[in-house]
PDB file of N, CA and C in Angstrom:
ATOM      1  N   MET A   1       8.426   9.619  -2.645  1.00  0.00           N
ATOM      2  CA  MET A   1       8.696   8.637  -1.681  1.00  0.00           C
ATOM      3  C   MET A   1       8.269   7.357  -2.144  1.00  0.00           C
ATOM      4  N   THR A   2       9.021   6.216  -1.942  1.00  0.00           N
ATOM      5  CA  THR A   2       8.565   4.887  -2.246  1.00  0.00           C
ATOM      6  C   THR A   2       7.920   4.141  -1.187  1.00  0.00           C
ATOM      7  N   THR A   3       7.181   3.160  -1.515  1.00  0.00           N
ATOM      8  CA  THR A   3       6.401   2.225  -0.622  1.00  0.00           C
ATOM      9  C   THR A   3       7.441   1.728   0.496  1.00  0.00           C
ATOM     10  N   ASN A   4       8.667   1.466   0.041  1.00  0.00           N
ATOM     11  CA  ASN A   4       9.533   1.032   1.245  1.00  0.00           C
ATOM     12  C   ASN A   4       9.901   2.045   2.163  1.00  0.00           C
ATOM     13  N   GLU A   5       9.765   3.173   1.953  1.00  0.00           N
ATOM     14  CA  GLU A   5      10.055   4.329   2.992  1.00  0.00           C
ATOM     15  C   GLU A   5       8.974   4.713   3.829  1.00  0.00           C
ATOM     16  N   LEU A   6       7.750   4.168   3.615  1.00  0.00           N
ATOM     17  CA  LEU A   6       6.540   4.379   4.495  1.00  0.00           C
ATOM     18  C   LEU A   6       6.748   3.744   5.805  1.00  0.00           C
ATOM     19  N   LYS A   7       6.458   4.257   6.815  1.00  0.00           N
ATOM     20  CA  LYS A   7       6.606   3.875   8.170  1.00  0.00           C
ATOM     21  C   LYS A   7       5.266   3.419   8.768  1.00  0.00           C
ATOM     22  N   LYS A   8       5.540   2.619   9.851  1.00  0.00           N
ATOM     23  CA  LYS A   8       4.207   2.176  10.659  1.00  0.00           C
ATOM     24  C   LYS A   8       3.499   3.369  11.167  1.00  0.00           C
ATOM     25  N   GLY A   9       2.167   3.366  11.054  1.00  0.00           N
ATOM     26  CA  GLY A   9       1.204   4.341  11.380  1.00  0.00           C
ATOM     27  C   GLY A   9       0.939   5.273  10.340  1.00  0.00           C
ATOM     28  N   VAL A  10       1.307   5.378   9.053  1.00  0.00           N
ATOM     29  CA  VAL A  10       1.063   6.131   8.024  1.00  0.00           C
ATOM     30  C   VAL A  10      -0.245   5.691   7.334  1.00  0.00           C
ATOM     31  N   ARG A  11      -1.124   6.672   7.159  1.00  0.00           N
ATOM     32  CA  ARG A  11      -2.255   6.460   6.438  1.00  0.00           C
ATOM     33  C   ARG A  11      -2.034   6.150   4.948  1.00  0.00           C
ATOM     34  N   VAL A  12      -2.636   5.305   4.322  1.00  0.00           N
ATOM     35  CA  VAL A  12      -2.395   5.147   2.825  1.00  0.00           C
ATOM     36  C   VAL A  12      -3.805   5.113   2.161  1.00  0.00           C
ATOM     37  N   LEU A  13      -3.770   5.174   0.894  1.00  0.00           N
ATOM     38  CA  LEU A  13      -4.838   5.080   0.017  1.00  0.00           C
ATOM     39  C   LEU A  13      -4.473   3.883  -0.869  1.00  0.00           C
ATOM     40  N   LEU A  14      -5.399   2.899  -1.016  1.00  0.00           N
ATOM     41  CA  LEU A  14      -5.291   1.787  -1.984  1.00  0.00           C
ATOM     42  C   LEU A  14      -5.817   1.941  -3.115  1.00  0.00           C
ATOM     43  N   ARG A  15      -5.384   1.181  -4.078  1.00  0.00           N
ATOM     44  CA  ARG A  15      -5.910   1.194  -5.530  1.00  0.00           C
ATOM     45  C   ARG A  15      -7.357   1.132  -5.688  1.00  0.00           C
ATOM     46  N   ASN A  16      -7.856   0.437  -4.739  1.00  0.00           N
ATOM     47  CA  ASN A  16      -9.539   0.267  -4.922  1.00  0.00           C
ATOM     48  C   ASN A  16     -10.166   1.285  -4.211  1.00  0.00           C
ATOM     49  N   GLY A  17      -9.599   2.408  -3.623  1.00  0.00           N
ATOM     50  CA  GLY A  17     -10.242   3.417  -3.060  1.00  0.00           C
ATOM     51  C   GLY A  17     -10.350   3.391  -1.619  1.00  0.00           C
ATOM     52  N   TRP A  18     -10.050   2.222  -0.911  1.00  0.00           N
ATOM     53  CA  TRP A  18     -10.078   2.155   0.609  1.00  0.00           C
ATOM     54  C   TRP A  18      -8.728   2.748   1.086  1.00  0.00           C
ATOM     55  N   GLU A  19      -8.966   3.080   2.443  1.00  0.00           N
ATOM     56  CA  GLU A  19      -7.885   3.516   3.187  1.00  0.00           C
ATOM     57  C   GLU A  19      -7.321   2.484   3.984  1.00  0.00           C
ATOM     58  N   ALA A  20      -6.099   2.676   4.488  1.00  0.00           N
ATOM     59  CA  ALA A  20      -5.382   1.641   5.510  1.00  0.00           C
ATOM     60  C   ALA A  20      -4.463   2.513   6.150  1.00  0.00           C
ATOM     61  N   THR A  21      -4.047   1.796   7.381  1.00  0.00           N
ATOM     62  CA  THR A  21      -3.037   2.255   8.272  1.00  0.00           C
ATOM     63  C   THR A  21      -1.937   1.161   8.225  1.00  0.00           C
ATOM     64  N   LEU A  22      -0.684   1.485   7.941  1.00  0.00           N
ATOM     65  CA  LEU A  22       0.379   0.637   7.945  1.00  0.00           C
ATOM     66  C   LEU A  22       0.676   0.078   9.364  1.00  0.00           C
ATOM     67  N   ALA A  23       0.909  -1.082   9.450  1.00  0.00           N
ATOM     68  CA  ALA A  23       1.121  -1.759  10.813  1.00  0.00           C
ATOM     69  C   ALA A  23       2.621  -2.323  10.885  1.00  0.00           C
ATOM     70  N   ASP A  24       3.298  -1.980   9.966  1.00  0.00           N
ATOM     71  CA  ASP A  24       4.823  -2.533  10.028  1.00  0.00           C
ATOM     72  C   ASP A  24       5.799  -1.564   9.341  1.00  0.00           C
ATOM     73  N   ASN A  25       7.064  -1.857   9.554  1.00  0.00           N
ATOM     74  CA  ASN A  25       8.064  -0.951   8.851  1.00  0.00           C
ATOM     75  C   ASN A  25       8.844  -1.872   7.859  1.00  0.00           C
ATOM     76  N   ARG A  26       8.289  -2.959   7.277  1.00  0.00           N
ATOM     77  CA  ARG A  26       8.981  -3.777   6.493  1.00  0.00           C
ATOM     78  C   ARG A  26       8.966  -3.125   4.952  1.00  0.00           C
ATOM     79  N   LYS A  27       9.995  -3.909   4.313  1.00  0.00           N
ATOM     80  CA  LYS A  27      10.123  -3.427   2.930  1.00  0.00           C
ATOM     81  C   LYS A  27       9.788  -4.666   1.856  1.00  0.00           C
ATOM     82  N   GLY A  28       9.345  -4.469   0.766  1.00  0.00           N
ATOM     83  CA  GLY A  28       9.137  -5.571  -0.136  1.00  0.00           C
ATOM     84  C   GLY A  28       7.722  -5.491  -0.854  1.00  0.00           C
ATOM     85  N   ASN A  29       7.267  -6.646  -1.223  1.00  0.00           N
ATOM     86  CA  ASN A  29       6.055  -6.668  -2.080  1.00  0.00           C
ATOM     87  C   ASN A  29       4.873  -6.707  -1.167  1.00  0.00           C
ATOM     88  N   THR A  30       4.885  -6.959   0.090  1.00  0.00           N
ATOM     89  CA  THR A  30       3.692  -6.933   0.924  1.00  0.00           C
ATOM     90  C   THR A  30       4.007  -6.052   2.290  1.00  0.00           C
ATOM     91  N   ARG A  31       2.877  -5.551   2.649  1.00  0.00           N
ATOM     92  CA  ARG A  31       2.826  -4.672   4.013  1.00  0.00           C
ATOM     93  C   ARG A  31       1.779  -5.137   4.733  1.00  0.00           C
ATOM     94  N   LEU A  32       1.823  -5.230   6.105  1.00  0.00           N
ATOM     95  CA  LEU A  32       0.798  -5.431   7.071  1.00  0.00           C
ATOM     96  C   LEU A  32      -0.002  -4.143   7.284  1.00  0.00           C
ATOM     97  N   ALA A  33      -1.329  -4.112   7.152  1.00  0.00           N
ATOM     98  CA  ALA A  33      -2.083  -2.924   7.352  1.00  0.00           C
ATOM     99  C   ALA A  33      -3.418  -3.223   7.938  1.00  0.00           C
ATOM    100  N   THR A  34      -3.926  -2.211   8.547  1.00  0.00           N
ATOM    101  CA  THR A  34      -5.378  -2.166   8.882  1.00  0.00           C
ATOM    102  C   THR A  34      -6.194  -1.561   7.907  1.00  0.00           C
ATOM    103  N   VAL A  35      -7.059  -2.274   7.263  1.00  0.00           N
ATOM    104  CA  VAL A  35      -7.800  -1.832   6.048  1.00  0.00           C
ATOM    105  C   VAL A  35      -9.245  -1.361   6.601  1.00  0.00           C
ATOM    106  N   TYR A  36      -9.634  -0.266   6.110  1.00  0.00           N
ATOM    107  CA  TYR A  36     -10.920   0.276   6.330  1.00  0.00           C
ATOM    108  C   TYR A  36     -11.837   0.137   5.078  1.00  0.00           C
ATOM    109  N   GLY A  37     -12.460  -0.905   4.895  1.00  0.00           N
ATOM    110  CA  GLY A  37     -13.146  -1.078   3.793  1.00  0.00           C
ATOM    111  C   GLY A  37     -14.737  -1.422   4.180  1.00  0.00           C
ATOM    112  N   TYR A  38     -15.329  -2.363   3.713  1.00  0.00           N
ATOM    113  CA  TYR A  38     -16.656  -2.788   4.177  1.00  0.00           C
ATOM    114  C   TYR A  38     -16.481  -3.124   5.562  1.00  0.00           C
ATOM    115  N   PHE A  39     -15.547  -3.725   5.998  1.00  0.00           N
ATOM    116  CA  PHE A  39     -15.233  -3.991   7.314  1.00  0.00           C
ATOM    117  C   PHE A  39     -13.809  -3.581   7.721  1.00  0.00           C
ATOM    118  N   THR A  40     -13.590  -3.345   9.057  1.00  0.00           N
ATOM    119  CA  THR A  40     -12.260  -2.959   9.302  1.00  0.00           C
ATOM    120  C   THR A  40     -11.405  -4.347   9.714  1.00  0.00           C
ATOM    121  N   GLU A  41     -10.340  -4.642   8.964  1.00  0.00           N
ATOM    122  CA  GLU A  41      -9.664  -5.744   9.275  1.00  0.00           C
ATOM    123  C   GLU A  41      -8.095  -5.550   8.957  1.00  0.00           C
ATOM    124  N   MET A  42      -7.360  -6.480   9.701  1.00  0.00           N
ATOM    125  CA  MET A  42      -5.893  -6.264   9.393  1.00  0.00           C
ATOM    126  C   MET A  42      -5.351  -7.490   8.672  1.00  0.00           C
ATOM    127  N   GLY A  43      -4.423  -7.261   7.696  1.00  0.00           N
ATOM    128  CA  GLY A  43      -3.854  -8.280   6.998  1.00  0.00           C
ATOM    129  C   GLY A  43      -2.922  -7.862   5.953  1.00  0.00           C
ATOM    130  N   SER A  44      -2.362  -8.569   5.025  1.00  0.00           N
ATOM    131  CA  SER A  44      -1.359  -8.175   4.203  1.00  0.00           C
ATOM    132  C   SER A  44      -1.876  -7.531   2.998  1.00  0.00           C
ATOM    133  N   VAL A  45      -1.217  -6.543   2.508  1.00  0.00           N
ATOM    134  CA  VAL A  45      -1.599  -5.904   1.224  1.00  0.00           C
ATOM    135  C   VAL A  45      -0.493  -5.728   0.421  1.00  0.00           C
ATOM    136  N   TYR A  46      -0.569  -5.906  -0.865  1.00  0.00           N
ATOM    137  CA  TYR A  46       0.504  -5.806  -1.855  1.00  0.00           C
ATOM    138  C   TYR A  46       0.933  -4.283  -1.890  1.00  0.00           C
ATOM    139  N   SER A  47       2.326  -4.149  -2.027  1.00  0.00           N
ATOM    140  CA  SER A  47       2.787  -2.713  -2.050  1.00  0.00           C
ATOM    141  C   SER A  47       2.481  -2.022  -3.188  1.00  0.00           C
ATOM    142  N   HIS A  48       2.128  -2.822  -4.367  1.00  0.00           N
ATOM    143  CA  HIS A  48       1.807  -2.145  -5.469  1.00  0.00           C
ATOM    144  C   HIS A  48       0.289  -1.640  -5.610  1.00  0.00           C
ATOM    145  N   ASP A  49      -0.395  -2.106  -4.460  1.00  0.00           N
ATOM    146  CA  ASP A  49      -1.887  -1.584  -4.451  1.00  0.00           C
ATOM    147  C   ASP A  49      -1.868  -0.232  -3.621  1.00  0.00           C
ATOM    148  N   ILE A  50      -0.720   0.135  -3.095  1.00  0.00           N
ATOM    149  CA  ILE A  50      -0.721   1.383  -2.282  1.00  0.00           C
ATOM    150  C   ILE A  50      -0.401   2.476  -3.434  1.00  0.00           C
ATOM    151  N   VAL A  51      -1.226   3.479  -3.459  1.00  0.00           N
ATOM    152  CA  VAL A  51      -1.105   4.536  -4.507  1.00  0.00           C
ATOM    153  C   VAL A  51      -0.764   5.971  -3.943  1.00  0.00           C
ATOM    154  N   SER A  52      -1.036   6.285  -2.569  1.00  0.00           N
ATOM    155  CA  SER A  52      -0.906   7.506  -2.053  1.00  0.00           C
ATOM    156  C   SER A  52      -0.709   7.370  -0.616  1.00  0.00           C
ATOM    157  N   TYR A  53      -0.107   8.383   0.122  1.00  0.00           N
ATOM    158  CA  TYR A  53       0.052   8.342   1.460  1.00  0.00           C
ATOM    159  C   TYR A  53      -0.450   9.698   2.112  1.00  0.00           C
ATOM    160  N   MET A  54      -0.784   9.840   3.234  1.00  0.00           N
ATOM    161  CA  MET A  54      -1.250  11.042   3.925  1.00  0.00           C
ATOM    162  C   MET A  54      -0.117  11.758   4.514  1.00  0.00           C
ATOM    163  N   THR A  55       0.111  13.084   4.188  1.00  0.00           N
ATOM    164  CA  THR A  55       1.264  13.780   4.767  1.00  0.00           C
ATOM    165  C   THR A  55       0.794  14.236   6.188  1.00  0.00           C
ATOM    166  N   ALA A  56       1.552  14.903   7.086  1.00  0.00           N
ATOM    167  CA  ALA A  56       1.370  15.378   8.272  1.00  0.00           C
ATOM    168  C   ALA A  56       0.368  16.468   8.119  1.00  0.00           C
ATOM    169  N   LEU A  57       0.225  17.206   7.047  1.00  0.00           N
ATOM    170  CA  LEU A  57      -0.776  18.401   6.887  1.00  0.00           C
ATOM    171  C   LEU A  57      -2.073  17.762   6.496  1.00  0.00           C
ATOM    172  N   GLY A  58      -2.226  16.461   6.104  1.00  0.00           N
ATOM    173  CA  GLY A  58      -3.427  16.044   5.763  1.00  0.00           C
ATOM    174  C   GLY A  58      -3.672  15.846   4.243  1.00  0.00           C
ATOM    175  N   ASP A  59      -2.617  16.082   3.443  1.00  0.00           N
ATOM    176  CA  ASP A  59      -2.607  15.949   2.091  1.00  0.00           C
ATOM    177  C   ASP A  59      -2.289  14.554   1.623  1.00  0.00           C
ATOM    178  N   TRP A  60      -2.759  14.276   0.353  1.00  0.00           N
ATOM    179  CA  TRP A  60      -2.375  13.035  -0.168  1.00  0.00           C
ATOM    180  C   TRP A  60      -1.132  13.171  -1.091  1.00  0.00           C
ATOM    181  N   GLU A  61      -0.040  12.298  -1.047  1.00  0.00           N
ATOM    182  CA  GLU A  61       1.023  12.461  -1.914  1.00  0.00           C
ATOM    183  C   GLU A  61       1.139  10.915  -2.670  1.00  0.00           C
ATOM    184  N   ASN A  62       1.386  11.100  -3.812  1.00  0.00           N
ATOM    185  CA  ASN A  62       1.435   9.834  -4.680  1.00  0.00           C
ATOM    186  C   ASN A  62       2.955   9.099  -4.176  1.00  0.00           C
ATOM    187  N   VAL A  63       2.863   7.866  -4.320  1.00  0.00           N
ATOM    188  CA  VAL A  63       4.011   6.962  -4.048  1.00  0.00           C
ATOM    189  C   VAL A  63       4.666   6.463  -5.389  1.00  0.00           C
ATOM    190  N   GLU A  64       6.056   6.106  -5.193  1.00  0.00           N
ATOM    191  CA  GLU A  64       6.539   5.477  -6.189  1.00  0.00           C
ATOM    192  C   GLU A  64       6.797   4.036  -5.932  1.00  0.00           C
ATOM    193  N   HIS A  65       6.842   3.205  -7.056  1.00  0.00           N
ATOM    194  CA  HIS A  65       7.107   1.745  -6.748  1.00  0.00           C
ATOM    195  C   HIS A  65       8.333   1.265  -7.236  1.00  0.00           C
ATOM    196  N   THR A  66       8.980   0.345  -6.668  1.00  0.00           N
ATOM    197  CA  THR A  66      10.184  -0.098  -7.058  1.00  0.00           C
ATOM    198  C   THR A  66      10.016  -1.046  -8.213  1.00  0.00           C
ATOM    199  N   ASP A  67      11.023  -1.394  -8.801  1.00  0.00           N
ATOM    200  CA  ASP A  67      11.032  -2.279 -10.144  1.00  0.00           C
ATOM    201  C   ASP A  67      10.456  -3.626  -9.655  1.00  0.00           C
ATOM    202  N   ALA A  68      10.916  -4.237  -8.662  1.00  0.00           N
ATOM    203  CA  ALA A  68      10.418  -5.418  -8.065  1.00  0.00           C
ATOM    204  C   ALA A  68       8.960  -5.537  -7.901  1.00  0.00           C
ATOM    205  N   GLN A  69       8.398  -4.249  -7.409  1.00  0.00           N
ATOM    206  CA  GLN A  69       6.928  -4.211  -7.091  1.00  0.00           C
ATOM    207  C   GLN A  69       6.154  -4.098  -8.395  1.00  0.00           C
ATOM    208  N   LYS A  70       6.758  -3.364  -9.261  1.00  0.00           N
ATOM    209  CA  LYS A  70       6.025  -3.322 -10.669  1.00  0.00           C
ATOM    210  C   LYS A  70       6.082  -4.634 -11.363  1.00  0.00           C
ATOM    211  N   LYS A  71       7.120  -5.494 -11.286  1.00  0.00           N
ATOM    212  CA  LYS A  71       7.183  -6.846 -11.821  1.00  0.00           C
ATOM    213  C   LYS A  71       6.099  -7.648 -11.103  1.00  0.00           C
ATOM    214  N   CYS A  72       5.932  -7.620  -9.758  1.00  0.00           N
ATOM    215  CA  CYS A  72       4.826  -8.181  -8.996  1.00  0.00           C
ATOM    216  C   CYS A  72       3.557  -8.063  -9.475  1.00  0.00           C
ATOM    217  N   LYS A  73       3.363  -6.730  -9.722  1.00  0.00           N
ATOM    218  CA  LYS A  73       2.003  -6.322 -10.286  1.00  0.00           C
ATOM    219  C   LYS A  73       1.662  -6.860 -11.594  1.00  0.00           C
ATOM    220  N   GLN A  74       2.696  -6.876 -12.421  1.00  0.00           N
ATOM    221  CA  GLN A  74       2.620  -7.391 -13.788  1.00  0.00           C
ATOM    222  C   GLN A  74       2.301  -8.914 -13.629  1.00  0.00           C
ATOM    223  N   MET A  75       2.889  -9.743 -12.865  1.00  0.00           N
ATOM    224  CA  MET A  75       2.561 -11.089 -12.793  1.00  0.00           C
ATOM    225  C   MET A  75       1.186 -11.281 -12.182  1.00  0.00           C
ATOM    226  N   ASN A  76       0.784 -10.401 -11.232  1.00  0.00           N
ATOM    227  CA  ASN A  76      -0.538 -10.563 -10.690  1.00  0.00           C
ATOM    228  C   ASN A  76      -1.559 -10.329 -11.721  1.00  0.00           C
ATOM    229  N   ASP A  77      -1.378  -9.245 -12.437  1.00  0.00           N
ATOM    230  CA  ASP A  77      -2.255  -8.989 -13.490  1.00  0.00           C
ATOM    231  C   ASP A  77      -2.426 -10.050 -14.674  1.00  0.00           C
ATOM    232  N   ALA A  78      -1.300 -10.740 -14.980  1.00  0.00           N
ATOM    233  CA  ALA A  78      -1.339 -11.878 -15.981  1.00  0.00           C
ATOM    234  C   ALA A  78      -2.070 -13.083 -15.473  1.00  0.00           C
ATOM    235  N   MET A  79      -2.270 -13.207 -14.119  1.00  0.00           N
ATOM    236  CA  MET A  79      -2.927 -14.461 -13.688  1.00  0.00           C
ATOM    237  C   MET A  79      -4.581 -14.412 -13.973  1.00  0.00           C
ATOM    238  N   PRO A  80      -5.110 -15.463 -14.530  1.00  0.00           N
ATOM    239  CA  PRO A  80      -6.453 -15.477 -14.791  1.00  0.00           C
ATOM    240  C   PRO A  80      -7.188 -15.668 -13.474  1.00  0.00           C
ATOM    241  N   PHE A  81      -8.506 -14.987 -13.456  1.00  0.00           N
ATOM    242  CA  PHE A  81      -9.287 -15.114 -12.319  1.00  0.00           C
ATOM    243  C   PHE A  81     -10.572 -15.881 -12.566  1.00  0.00           C
TER     244      PHE A  81
END
């Protein structure tokens, strides 16, 4: 399943190990999500930072990224911080 096919309410695992619940049905490079990290907050997350989603049985399944999302990740990785 690609990140564009994930629907509102799906629990996802982010690249940094935090979990989030998707809050929109949009497609593209960013998704709106409630992130459960040091604090619980809602905001945009990059689609390429979503690595897995929780199935109805409670198992984690890996997601696939589109070519545009892979290109966005490459551009973000190239930025100096």
